PDB file of N, CA and C in Angstrom:
ATOM      1  N   MET A   1      37.902 214.735  79.282  1.00  0.00           N
ATOM      2  CA  MET A   1      39.137 214.734  78.519  1.00  0.00           C
ATOM      3  C   MET A   1      40.009 213.576  78.998  1.00  0.00           C
ATOM      4  N   GLU A   2      40.416 212.754  78.077  1.00  0.00           N
ATOM      5  CA  GLU A   2      41.215 211.586  78.400  1.00  0.00           C
ATOM      6  C   GLU A   2      42.668 211.835  78.005  1.00  0.00           C
ATOM      7  N   LYS A   3      43.569 211.606  78.982  1.00  0.00           N
ATOM      8  CA  LYS A   3      44.990 211.800  78.703  1.00  0.00           C
ATOM      9  C   LYS A   3      45.602 210.498  78.208  1.00  0.00           C
ATOM     10  N   ASP A   4      46.512 210.628  77.275  1.00  0.00           N
ATOM     11  CA  ASP A   4      47.269 209.473  76.806  1.00  0.00           C
ATOM     12  C   ASP A   4      48.530 209.393  77.656  1.00  0.00           C
ATOM     13  N   ILE A   5      48.574 208.429  78.569  1.00  0.00           N
ATOM     14  CA  ILE A   5      49.710 208.284  79.469  1.00  0.00           C
ATOM     15  C   ILE A   5      50.552 207.113  79.000  1.00  0.00           C
ATOM     16  N   ASN A   6      51.784 207.403  78.646  1.00  0.00           N
ATOM     17  CA  ASN A   6      52.709 206.379  78.197  1.00  0.00           C
ATOM     18  C   ASN A   6      53.886 206.364  79.170  1.00  0.00           C
ATOM     19  N   ILE A   7      54.004 205.290  79.934  1.00  0.00           N
ATOM     20  CA  ILE A   7      55.069 205.183  80.923  1.00  0.00           C
ATOM     21  C   ILE A   7      56.039 204.107  80.460  1.00  0.00           C
ATOM     22  N   ASN A   8      57.310 204.487  80.362  1.00  0.00           N
ATOM     23  CA  ASN A   8      58.343 203.555  79.943  1.00  0.00           C
ATOM     24  C   ASN A   8      59.525 203.693  80.893  1.00  0.00           C
ATOM     25  N   PHE A   9      59.860 202.612  81.579  1.00  0.00           N
ATOM     26  CA  PHE A   9      60.959 202.631  82.555  1.00  0.00           C
ATOM     27  C   PHE A   9      62.300 202.939  81.887  1.00  0.00           C
ATOM     28  N   PHE A  10      62.476 202.510  80.644  1.00  0.00           N
ATOM     29  CA  PHE A  10      63.755 202.671  79.972  1.00  0.00           C
ATOM     30  C   PHE A  10      63.875 203.983  79.202  1.00  0.00           C
ATOM     31  N   LYS A  11      62.754 204.663  78.995  1.00  0.00           N
ATOM     32  CA  LYS A  11      62.761 205.971  78.339  1.00  0.00           C
ATOM     33  C   LYS A  11      61.865 206.922  79.136  1.00  0.00           C
ATOM     34  N   PRO A  12      62.342 207.363  80.322  1.00  0.00           N
ATOM     35  CA  PRO A  12      61.488 208.234  81.142  1.00  0.00           C
ATOM     36  C   PRO A  12      61.280 209.594  80.479  1.00  0.00           C
ATOM     37  N   VAL A  13      60.076 210.119  80.666  1.00  0.00           N
ATOM     38  CA  VAL A  13      59.715 211.415  80.097  1.00  0.00           C
ATOM     39  C   VAL A  13      59.474 212.383  81.243  1.00  0.00           C
ATOM     40  N   GLY A  14      60.057 213.549  81.166  1.00  0.00           N
ATOM     41  CA  GLY A  14      59.850 214.571  82.178  1.00  0.00           C
ATOM     42  C   GLY A  14      60.844 214.465  83.317  1.00  0.00           C
ATOM     43  N   ASP A  15      60.956 215.559  84.043  1.00  0.00           N
ATOM     44  CA  ASP A  15      61.922 215.669  85.140  1.00  0.00           C
ATOM     45  C   ASP A  15      61.596 214.714  86.293  1.00  0.00           C
ATOM     46  N   PHE A  16      60.316 214.643  86.660  1.00  0.00           N
ATOM     47  CA  PHE A  16      59.901 213.789  87.778  1.00  0.00           C
ATOM     48  C   PHE A  16      60.225 212.328  87.502  1.00  0.00           C
ATOM     49  N   MET A  17      59.794 211.860  86.340  1.00  0.00           N
ATOM     50  CA  MET A  17      59.993 210.447  86.021  1.00  0.00           C
ATOM     51  C   MET A  17      61.475 210.123  85.815  1.00  0.00           C
ATOM     52  N   THR A  18      62.240 211.044  85.252  1.00  0.00           N
ATOM     53  CA  THR A  18      63.673 210.824  85.054  1.00  0.00           C
ATOM     54  C   THR A  18      64.383 210.638  86.391  1.00  0.00           C
ATOM     55  N   LYS A  19      64.069 211.508  87.350  1.00  0.00           N
ATOM     56  CA  LYS A  19      64.691 211.396  88.678  1.00  0.00           C
ATOM     57  C   LYS A  19      64.226 210.128  89.398  1.00  0.00           C
ATOM     58  N   ASP A  20      62.947 209.813  89.268  1.00  0.00           N
ATOM     59  CA  ASP A  20      62.397 208.624  89.912  1.00  0.00           C
ATOM     60  C   ASP A  20      63.045 207.349  89.358  1.00  0.00           C
ATOM     61  N   VAL A  21      63.149 207.249  88.057  1.00  0.00           N
ATOM     62  CA  VAL A  21      63.744 206.069  87.426  1.00  0.00           C
ATOM     63  C   VAL A  21      65.235 205.985  87.747  1.00  0.00           C
ATOM     64  N   SER A  22      65.912 207.117  87.794  1.00  0.00           N
ATOM     65  CA  SER A  22      67.341 207.120  88.152  1.00  0.00           C
ATOM     66  C   SER A  22      67.552 206.576  89.562  1.00  0.00           C
ATOM     67  N   MET A  23      66.699 206.967  90.488  1.00  0.00           N
ATOM     68  CA  MET A  23      66.811 206.469  91.860  1.00  0.00           C
ATOM     69  C   MET A  23      66.517 204.970  91.913  1.00  0.00           C
ATOM     70  N   LYS A  24      65.516 204.526  91.182  1.00  0.00           N
ATOM     71  CA  LYS A  24      65.197 203.090  91.148  1.00  0.00           C
ATOM     72  C   LYS A  24      66.361 202.288  90.574  1.00  0.00           C
ATOM     73  N   LYS A  25      66.985 202.795  89.527  1.00  0.00           N
ATOM     74  CA  LYS A  25      68.143 202.107  88.943  1.00  0.00           C
ATOM     75  C   LYS A  25      69.298 202.051  89.928  1.00  0.00           C
ATOM     76  N   LEU A  26      69.541 203.145  90.653  1.00  0.00           N
ATOM     77  CA  LEU A  26      70.609 203.173  91.655  1.00  0.00           C
ATOM     78  C   LEU A  26      70.342 202.145  92.751  1.00  0.00           C
ATOM     79  N   ILE A  27      69.113 202.084  93.219  1.00  0.00           N
ATOM     80  CA  ILE A  27      68.755 201.121  94.266  1.00  0.00           C
ATOM     81  C   ILE A  27      68.913 199.685  93.763  1.00  0.00           C
ATOM     82  N   LEU A  28      68.525 199.426  92.522  1.00  0.00           N
ATOM     83  CA  LEU A  28      68.700 198.085  91.959  1.00  0.00           C
ATOM     84  C   LEU A  28      70.174 197.708  91.827  1.00  0.00           C
ATOM     85  N   VAL A  29      71.015 198.669  91.457  1.00  0.00           N
ATOM     86  CA  VAL A  29      72.456 198.409  91.351  1.00  0.00           C
ATOM     87  C   VAL A  29      73.037 198.122  92.738  1.00  0.00           C
ATOM     88  N   ILE A  30      72.657 198.903  93.737  1.00  0.00           N
ATOM     89  CA  ILE A  30      73.143 198.675  95.104  1.00  0.00           C
ATOM     90  C   ILE A  30      72.730 197.283  95.578  1.00  0.00           C
ATOM     91  N   TRP A  31      71.476 196.912  95.335  1.00  0.00           N
ATOM     92  CA  TRP A  31      70.990 195.594  95.765  1.00  0.00           C
ATOM     93  C   TRP A  31      71.718 194.470  95.030  1.00  0.00           C
ATOM     94  N   PHE A  32      71.913 194.637  93.728  1.00  0.00           N
ATOM     95  CA  PHE A  32      72.614 193.625  92.937  1.00  0.00           C
ATOM     96  C   PHE A  32      74.047 193.433  93.442  1.00  0.00           C
ATOM     97  N   VAL A  33      74.744 194.531  93.683  1.00  0.00           N
ATOM     98  CA  VAL A  33      76.130 194.444  94.165  1.00  0.00           C
ATOM     99  C   VAL A  33      76.169 193.826  95.561  1.00  0.00           C
ATOM    100  N   ALA A  34      75.228 194.204  96.414  1.00  0.00           N
ATOM    101  CA  ALA A  34      75.213 193.666  97.780  1.00  0.00           C
ATOM    102  C   ALA A  34      74.980 192.162  97.785  1.00  0.00           C
ATOM    103  N   VAL A  35      74.114 191.670  96.925  1.00  0.00           N
ATOM    104  CA  VAL A  35      73.804 190.241  96.914  1.00  0.00           C
ATOM    105  C   VAL A  35      74.819 189.456  96.090  1.00  0.00           C
ATOM    106  N   TYR A  36      74.942 189.780  94.820  1.00  0.00           N
ATOM    107  CA  TYR A  36      75.797 188.987  93.935  1.00  0.00           C
ATOM    108  C   TYR A  36      77.268 189.350  94.061  1.00  0.00           C
ATOM    109  N   GLY A  37      77.569 190.580  94.408  1.00  0.00           N
ATOM    110  CA  GLY A  37      78.966 190.966  94.620  1.00  0.00           C
ATOM    111  C   GLY A  37      79.573 190.216  95.792  1.00  0.00           C
ATOM    112  N   PHE A  38      78.800 190.044  96.861  1.00  0.00           N
ATOM    113  CA  PHE A  38      79.294 189.312  98.023  1.00  0.00           C
ATOM    114  C   PHE A  38      79.478 187.832  97.695  1.00  0.00           C
ATOM    115  N   LEU A  39      78.550 187.249  96.940  1.00  0.00           N
ATOM    116  CA  LEU A  39      78.695 185.852  96.533  1.00  0.00           C
ATOM    117  C   LEU A  39      79.935 185.666  95.658  1.00  0.00           C
ATOM    118  N   PHE A  40      80.167 186.611  94.758  1.00  0.00           N
ATOM    119  CA  PHE A  40      81.362 186.564  93.917  1.00  0.00           C
ATOM    120  C   PHE A  40      82.617 186.692  94.770  1.00  0.00           C
ATOM    121  N   LEU A  41      82.591 187.581  95.759  1.00  0.00           N
ATOM    122  CA  LEU A  41      83.737 187.755  96.655  1.00  0.00           C
ATOM    123  C   LEU A  41      84.006 186.475  97.447  1.00  0.00           C
ATOM    124  N   LEU A  42      82.965 185.829  97.935  1.00  0.00           N
ATOM    125  CA  LEU A  42      83.139 184.558  98.644  1.00  0.00           C
ATOM    126  C   LEU A  42      83.810 183.514  97.753  1.00  0.00           C
ATOM    127  N   LYS A  43      83.367 183.448  96.516  1.00  0.00           N
ATOM    128  CA  LYS A  43      83.950 182.493  95.572  1.00  0.00           C
ATOM    129  C   LYS A  43      85.398 182.862  95.245  1.00  0.00           C
ATOM    130  N   LEU A  44      85.659 184.158  95.146  1.00  0.00           N
ATOM    131  CA  LEU A  44      86.990 184.650  94.777  1.00  0.00           C
ATOM    132  C   LEU A  44      88.030 184.358  95.849  1.00  0.00           C
ATOM    133  N   VAL A  45      87.665 184.513  97.124  1.00  0.00           N
ATOM    134  CA  VAL A  45      88.645 184.362  98.211  1.00  0.00           C
ATOM    135  C   VAL A  45      88.648 182.960  98.817  1.00  0.00           C
ATOM    136  N   ALA A  46      87.828 182.058  98.293  1.00  0.00           N
ATOM    137  CA  ALA A  46      87.778 180.690  98.831  1.00  0.00           C
ATOM    138  C   ALA A  46      89.102 179.972  98.576  1.00  0.00           C
ATOM    139  N   ASP A  47      89.507 179.165  99.549  1.00  0.00           N
ATOM    140  CA  ASP A  47      90.735 178.383  99.439  1.00  0.00           C
ATOM    141  C   ASP A  47      90.454 177.138  98.599  1.00  0.00           C
ATOM    142  N   PRO A  48      91.062 177.034  97.406  1.00  0.00           N
ATOM    143  CA  PRO A  48      90.782 175.880  96.550  1.00  0.00           C
ATOM    144  C   PRO A  48      91.369 174.576  97.081  1.00  0.00           C
ATOM    145  N   ASN A  49      92.287 174.679  98.034  1.00  0.00           N
ATOM    146  CA  ASN A  49      92.914 173.474  98.587  1.00  0.00           C
ATOM    147  C   ASN A  49      92.111 172.859  99.727  1.00  0.00           C
ATOM    148  N   ALA A  50      91.146 173.591 100.255  1.00  0.00           N
ATOM    149  CA  ALA A  50      90.321 173.066 101.351  1.00  0.00           C
ATOM    150  C   ALA A  50      89.237 172.181 100.754  1.00  0.00           C
ATOM    151  N   THR A  51      89.350 170.879 100.969  1.00  0.00           N
ATOM    152  CA  THR A  51      88.389 169.936 100.401  1.00  0.00           C
ATOM    153  C   THR A  51      87.825 169.022 101.483  1.00  0.00           C
ATOM    154  N   ALA A  52      86.730 168.374 101.162  1.00  0.00           N
ATOM    155  CA  ALA A  52      86.105 167.420 102.083  1.00  0.00           C
ATOM    156  C   ALA A  52      85.662 166.198 101.293  1.00  0.00           C
ATOM    157  N   GLN A  53      85.769 165.054 101.927  1.00  0.00           N
ATOM    158  CA  GLN A  53      85.323 163.797 101.323  1.00  0.00           C
ATOM    159  C   GLN A  53      83.876 163.557 101.766  1.00  0.00           C
ATOM    160  N   VAL A  54      82.997 163.300 100.809  1.00  0.00           N
ATOM    161  CA  VAL A  54      81.593 163.044 101.097  1.00  0.00           C
ATOM    162  C   VAL A  54      81.239 161.668 100.542  1.00  0.00           C
ATOM    163  N   LYS A  55      80.645 160.835 101.392  1.00  0.00           N
ATOM    164  CA  LYS A  55      80.226 159.512 100.952  1.00  0.00           C
ATOM    165  C   LYS A  55      78.737 159.549 100.630  1.00  0.00           C
ATOM    166  N   LEU A  56      78.397 159.228  99.396  1.00  0.00           N
ATOM    167  CA  LEU A  56      77.012 159.240  98.943  1.00  0.00           C
ATOM    168  C   LEU A  56      76.293 157.964  99.364  1.00  0.00           C
ATOM    169  N   SER A  57      74.977 157.964  99.263  1.00  0.00           N
ATOM    170  CA  SER A  57      74.187 156.789  99.647  1.00  0.00           C
ATOM    171  C   SER A  57      74.478 155.591  98.749  1.00  0.00           C
ATOM    172  N   THR A  58      75.023 155.849  97.579  1.00  0.00           N
ATOM    173  CA  THR A  58      75.384 154.766  96.658  1.00  0.00           C
ATOM    174  C   THR A  58      76.717 154.130  97.021  1.00  0.00           C
ATOM    175  N   GLY A  59      77.416 154.708  97.998  1.00  0.00           N
ATOM    176  CA  GLY A  59      78.714 154.201  98.417  1.00  0.00           C
ATOM    177  C   GLY A  59      79.870 154.912  97.745  1.00  0.00           C
ATOM    178  N   GLU A  60      79.574 155.751  96.772  1.00  0.00           N
ATOM    179  CA  GLU A  60      80.607 156.488  96.058  1.00  0.00           C
ATOM    180  C   GLU A  60      81.143 157.617  96.938  1.00  0.00           C
ATOM    181  N   VAL A  61      82.445 157.842  96.904  1.00  0.00           N
ATOM    182  CA  VAL A  61      83.075 158.910  97.667  1.00  0.00           C
ATOM    183  C   VAL A  61      83.402 160.051  96.715  1.00  0.00           C
ATOM    184  N   VAL A  62      82.945 161.248  97.051  1.00  0.00           N
ATOM    185  CA  VAL A  62      83.141 162.429  96.217  1.00  0.00           C
ATOM    186  C   VAL A  62      83.962 163.448  96.997  1.00  0.00           C
ATOM    187  N   THR A  63      84.925 164.076  96.341  1.00  0.00           N
ATOM    188  CA  THR A  63      85.710 165.139  96.950  1.00  0.00           C
ATOM    189  C   THR A  63      85.140 166.477  96.507  1.00  0.00           C
ATOM    190  N   GLN A  64      84.807 167.330  97.490  1.00  0.00           N
ATOM    191  CA  GLN A  64      84.235 168.643  97.189  1.00  0.00           C
ATOM    192  C   GLN A  64      85.111 169.733  97.762  1.00  0.00           C
ATOM    193  N   VAL A  65      85.131 170.882  97.073  1.00  0.00           N
ATOM    194  CA  VAL A  65      85.809 172.063  97.610  1.00  0.00           C
ATOM    195  C   VAL A  65      84.891 172.664  98.669  1.00  0.00           C
ATOM    196  N   VAL A  66      85.450 172.925  99.853  1.00  0.00           N
ATOM    197  CA  VAL A  66      84.655 173.393 100.983  1.00  0.00           C
ATOM    198  C   VAL A  66      84.288 174.870 100.850  1.00  0.00           C
ATOM    199  N   GLY A  67      85.183 175.680 100.326  1.00  0.00           N
ATOM    200  CA  GLY A  67      84.917 177.107 100.198  1.00  0.00           C
ATOM    201  C   GLY A  67      85.331 177.886 101.427  1.00  0.00           C
ATOM    202  N   LYS A  68      86.280 177.364 102.179  1.00  0.00           N
ATOM    203  CA  LYS A  68      86.763 178.065 103.370  1.00  0.00           C
ATOM    204  C   LYS A  68      87.524 179.320 102.970  1.00  0.00           C
ATOM    205  N   SER A  69      87.302 180.382 103.724  1.00  0.00           N
ATOM    206  CA  SER A  69      88.049 181.625 103.517  1.00  0.00           C
ATOM    207  C   SER A  69      87.990 182.424 104.816  1.00  0.00           C
ATOM    208  N   PHE A  70      88.658 183.561 104.821  1.00  0.00           N
ATOM    209  CA  PHE A  70      88.617 184.406 106.015  1.00  0.00           C
ATOM    210  C   PHE A  70      87.204 184.930 106.256  1.00  0.00           C
ATOM    211  N   LEU A  71      86.387 185.033 105.213  1.00  0.00           N
ATOM    212  CA  LEU A  71      85.008 185.506 105.383  1.00  0.00           C
ATOM    213  C   LEU A  71      84.129 184.449 106.057  1.00  0.00           C
ATOM    214  N   THR A  72      84.410 183.188 105.826  1.00  0.00           N
ATOM    215  CA  THR A  72      83.615 182.128 106.458  1.00  0.00           C
ATOM    216  C   THR A  72      84.139 181.785 107.849  1.00  0.00           C
ATOM    217  N   GLU A  73      85.385 182.124 108.128  1.00  0.00           N
ATOM    218  CA  GLU A  73      85.980 181.826 109.428  1.00  0.00           C
ATOM    219  C   GLU A  73      85.792 182.958 110.437  1.00  0.00           C
ATOM    220  N   THR A  74      85.600 184.182 109.966  1.00  0.00           N
ATOM    221  CA  THR A  74      85.446 185.346 110.840  1.00  0.00           C
ATOM    222  C   THR A  74      84.088 185.311 111.535  1.00  0.00           C
ATOM    223  N   GLN A  75      84.087 185.567 112.835  1.00  0.00           N
ATOM    224  CA  GLN A  75      82.842 185.622 113.617  1.00  0.00           C
ATOM    225  C   GLN A  75      82.404 187.082 113.764  1.00  0.00           C
ATOM    226  N   PHE A  76      81.101 187.331 113.608  1.00  0.00           N
ATOM    227  CA  PHE A  76      80.541 188.669 113.801  1.00  0.00           C
ATOM    228  C   PHE A  76      79.230 188.507 114.550  1.00  0.00           C
ATOM    229  N   LEU A  77      79.132 189.111 115.715  1.00  0.00           N
ATOM    230  CA  LEU A  77      77.963 188.999 116.583  1.00  0.00           C
ATOM    231  C   LEU A  77      77.612 187.537 116.878  1.00  0.00           C
ATOM    232  N   GLY A  78      78.636 186.708 116.972  1.00  0.00           N
ATOM    233  CA  GLY A  78      78.441 185.311 117.315  1.00  0.00           C
ATOM    234  C   GLY A  78      78.117 184.388 116.144  1.00  0.00           C
ATOM    235  N   PHE A  79      78.073 184.923 114.937  1.00  0.00           N
ATOM    236  CA  PHE A  79      77.769 184.131 113.748  1.00  0.00           C
ATOM    237  C   PHE A  79      78.941 184.217 112.775  1.00  0.00           C
ATOM    238  N   PRO A  80      79.097 183.216 111.908  1.00  0.00           N
ATOM    239  CA  PRO A  80      80.076 183.373 110.829  1.00  0.00           C
ATOM    240  C   PRO A  80      79.682 184.590 109.985  1.00  0.00           C
ATOM    241  N   PHE A  81      80.675 185.365 109.558  1.00  0.00           N
ATOM    242  CA  PHE A  81      80.385 186.630 108.877  1.00  0.00           C
ATOM    243  C   PHE A  81      79.517 186.431 107.647  1.00  0.00           C
ATOM    244  N   HIS A  82      79.796 185.426 106.831  1.00  0.00           N
ATOM    245  CA  HIS A  82      79.020 185.234 105.599  1.00  0.00           C
ATOM    246  C   HIS A  82      77.551 184.926 105.915  1.00  0.00           C
ATOM    247  N   TYR A  83      77.294 184.222 107.013  1.00  0.00           N
ATOM    248  CA  TYR A  83      75.917 183.937 107.408  1.00  0.00           C
ATOM    249  C   TYR A  83      75.231 185.217 107.887  1.00  0.00           C
ATOM    250  N   TRP A  84      75.914 185.976 108.745  1.00  0.00           N
ATOM    251  CA  TRP A  84      75.337 187.219 109.248  1.00  0.00           C
ATOM    252  C   TRP A  84      75.025 188.170 108.108  1.00  0.00           C
ATOM    253  N   TYR A  85      75.942 188.276 107.153  1.00  0.00           N
ATOM    254  CA  TYR A  85      75.750 189.178 106.014  1.00  0.00           C
ATOM    255  C   TYR A  85      74.490 188.794 105.234  1.00  0.00           C
ATOM    256  N   SER A  86      74.358 187.504 104.944  1.00  0.00           N
ATOM    257  CA  SER A  86      73.219 187.048 104.149  1.00  0.00           C
ATOM    258  C   SER A  86      71.914 187.077 104.939  1.00  0.00           C
ATOM    259  N   ALA A  87      71.959 186.700 106.197  1.00  0.00           N
ATOM    260  CA  ALA A  87      70.732 186.552 106.983  1.00  0.00           C
ATOM    261  C   ALA A  87      70.236 187.851 107.608  1.00  0.00           C
ATOM    262  N   GLN A  88      71.146 188.749 107.954  1.00  0.00           N
ATOM    263  CA  GLN A  88      70.705 189.950 108.659  1.00  0.00           C
ATOM    264  C   GLN A  88      71.049 191.241 107.936  1.00  0.00           C
ATOM    265  N   PHE A  89      72.268 191.363 107.429  1.00  0.00           N
ATOM    266  CA  PHE A  89      72.656 192.613 106.787  1.00  0.00           C
ATOM    267  C   PHE A  89      71.828 192.887 105.540  1.00  0.00           C
ATOM    268  N   CYS A  90      71.622 191.874 104.708  1.00  0.00           N
ATOM    269  CA  CYS A  90      70.862 192.091 103.470  1.00  0.00           C
ATOM    270  C   CYS A  90      69.418 192.512 103.763  1.00  0.00           C
ATOM    271  N   ILE A  91      68.839 191.969 104.825  1.00  0.00           N
ATOM    272  CA  ILE A  91      67.486 192.375 105.209  1.00  0.00           C
ATOM    273  C   ILE A  91      67.486 193.823 105.698  1.00  0.00           C
ATOM    274  N   ALA A  92      68.459 194.167 106.520  1.00  0.00           N
ATOM    275  CA  ALA A  92      68.560 195.550 107.002  1.00  0.00           C
ATOM    276  C   ALA A  92      68.822 196.509 105.841  1.00  0.00           C
ATOM    277  N   LEU A  93      69.653 196.090 104.881  1.00  0.00           N
ATOM    278  CA  LEU A  93      69.914 196.925 103.705  1.00  0.00           C
ATOM    279  C   LEU A  93      68.635 197.122 102.903  1.00  0.00           C
ATOM    280  N   PHE A  94      67.846 196.075 102.733  1.00  0.00           N
ATOM    281  CA  PHE A  94      66.583 196.185 102.002  1.00  0.00           C
ATOM    282  C   PHE A  94      65.642 197.184 102.684  1.00  0.00           C
ATOM    283  N   ILE A  95      65.527 197.084 103.993  1.00  0.00           N
ATOM    284  CA  ILE A  95      64.665 198.015 104.737  1.00  0.00           C
ATOM    285  C   ILE A  95      65.177 199.444 104.601  1.00  0.00           C
ATOM    286  N   PHE A  96      66.505 199.619 104.689  1.00  0.00           N
ATOM    287  CA  PHE A  96      67.086 200.956 104.519  1.00  0.00           C
ATOM    288  C   PHE A  96      66.819 201.493 103.118  1.00  0.00           C
ATOM    289  N   LEU A  97      66.976 200.672 102.088  1.00  0.00           N
ATOM    290  CA  LEU A  97      66.735 201.137 100.715  1.00  0.00           C
ATOM    291  C   LEU A  97      65.274 201.520 100.511  1.00  0.00           C
ATOM    292  N   CYS A  98      64.351 200.774 101.118  1.00  0.00           N
ATOM    293  CA  CYS A  98      62.922 201.141 101.054  1.00  0.00           C
ATOM    294  C   CYS A  98      62.675 202.479 101.724  1.00  0.00           C
ATOM    295  N   TRP A  99      63.260 202.669 102.916  1.00  0.00           N
ATOM    296  CA  TRP A  99      63.109 203.936 103.642  1.00  0.00           C
ATOM    297  C   TRP A  99      63.699 205.087 102.838  1.00  0.00           C
ATOM    298  N   TRP A 100      64.877 204.872 102.260  1.00  0.00           N
ATOM    299  CA  TRP A 100      65.563 205.901 101.473  1.00  0.00           C
ATOM    300  C   TRP A 100      64.724 206.290 100.261  1.00  0.00           C
ATOM    301  N   TYR A 101      64.166 205.292  99.577  1.00  0.00           N
ATOM    302  CA  TYR A 101      63.325 205.587  98.413  1.00  0.00           C
ATOM    303  C   TYR A 101      62.074 206.354  98.830  1.00  0.00           C
ATOM    304  N   CYS A 102      61.454 205.982  99.937  1.00  0.00           N
ATOM    305  CA  CYS A 102      60.260 206.702 100.412  1.00  0.00           C
ATOM    306  C   CYS A 102      60.580 208.155 100.712  1.00  0.00           C
ATOM    307  N   LYS A 103      61.704 208.398 101.388  1.00  0.00           N
ATOM    308  CA  LYS A 103      62.110 209.782 101.671  1.00  0.00           C
ATOM    309  C   LYS A 103      62.376 210.536 100.371  1.00  0.00           C
ATOM    310  N   PHE A 104      63.044 209.878  99.431  1.00  0.00           N
ATOM    311  CA  PHE A 104      63.357 210.512  98.151  1.00  0.00           C
ATOM    312  C   PHE A 104      62.082 210.869  97.397  1.00  0.00           C
ATOM    313  N   ILE A 105      61.139 209.926  97.304  1.00  0.00           N
ATOM    314  CA  ILE A 105      59.932 210.165  96.517  1.00  0.00           C
ATOM    315  C   ILE A 105      59.044 211.212  97.194  1.00  0.00           C
ATOM    316  N   ASP A 106      59.021 211.253  98.529  1.00  0.00           N
ATOM    317  CA  ASP A 106      58.270 212.305  99.230  1.00  0.00           C
ATOM    318  C   ASP A 106      58.828 213.684  98.897  1.00  0.00           C
ATOM    319  N   LYS A 107      60.149 213.788  98.922  1.00  0.00           N
ATOM    320  CA  LYS A 107      60.797 215.067  98.597  1.00  0.00           C
ATOM    321  C   LYS A 107      60.544 215.440  97.145  1.00  0.00           C
ATOM    322  N   LEU A 108      60.645 214.466  96.247  1.00  0.00           N
ATOM    323  CA  LEU A 108      60.432 214.732  94.823  1.00  0.00           C
ATOM    324  C   LEU A 108      58.990 215.155  94.550  1.00  0.00           C
ATOM    325  N   GLU A 109      58.037 214.493  95.186  1.00  0.00           N
ATOM    326  CA  GLU A 109      56.636 214.866  94.996  1.00  0.00           C
ATOM    327  C   GLU A 109      56.342 216.251  95.554  1.00  0.00           C
ATOM    328  N   SER A 110      56.943 216.580  96.697  1.00  0.00           N
ATOM    329  CA  SER A 110      56.703 217.924  97.254  1.00  0.00           C
ATOM    330  C   SER A 110      57.332 219.005  96.361  1.00  0.00           C
ATOM    331  N   GLU A 111      58.472 218.722  95.769  1.00  0.00           N
ATOM    332  CA  GLU A 111      59.088 219.695  94.851  1.00  0.00           C
ATOM    333  C   GLU A 111      58.231 219.899  93.615  1.00  0.00           C
ATOM    334  N   HIS A 112      57.656 218.828  93.072  1.00  0.00           N
ATOM    335  CA  HIS A 112      56.893 218.939  91.835  1.00  0.00           C
ATOM    336  C   HIS A 112      55.458 219.386  92.084  1.00  0.00           C
ATOM    337  N   SER A 113      54.959 219.279  93.294  1.00  0.00           N
ATOM    338  CA  SER A 113      53.602 219.776  93.564  1.00  0.00           C
ATOM    339  C   SER A 113      53.597 221.292  93.694  1.00  0.00           C
ATOM    340  N   LYS A 114      54.755 221.893  93.979  1.00  0.00           N
ATOM    341  CA  LYS A 114      54.862 223.350  94.086  1.00  0.00           C
ATOM    342  C   LYS A 114      54.927 224.019  92.727  1.00  0.00           C
ATOM    343  N   LYS A 115      55.309 223.247  91.700  1.00  0.00           N
ATOM    344  CA  LYS A 115      55.462 223.845  90.355  1.00  0.00           C
ATOM    345  C   LYS A 115      54.147 224.088  89.707  1.00  0.00           C
TER     346      LYS A 115
END
């Protein structure tokens, strides 16, 4: 007997798949906010008056906005906060989200295997 299995991420069928897809969407939203929300915040709080003159190899001088803010000036564990956030916190958050999803799916599978 062959089952017709139709899996659609945007239209989950059944209690198991609905809960699983909801958790995946939540994790994707958390990851999106952690990555792009922080970049938006950096851009939002940057001092537009902080500029630097850069001389190109062609001899042309260009003025650029540096992007200085309290987030780039603050030190955390010996690193600028924005660097630490991007280099270490996001990796730790990713590992935590993977662990959280594994715990969630184990619990969900054990609940549905009893039914």
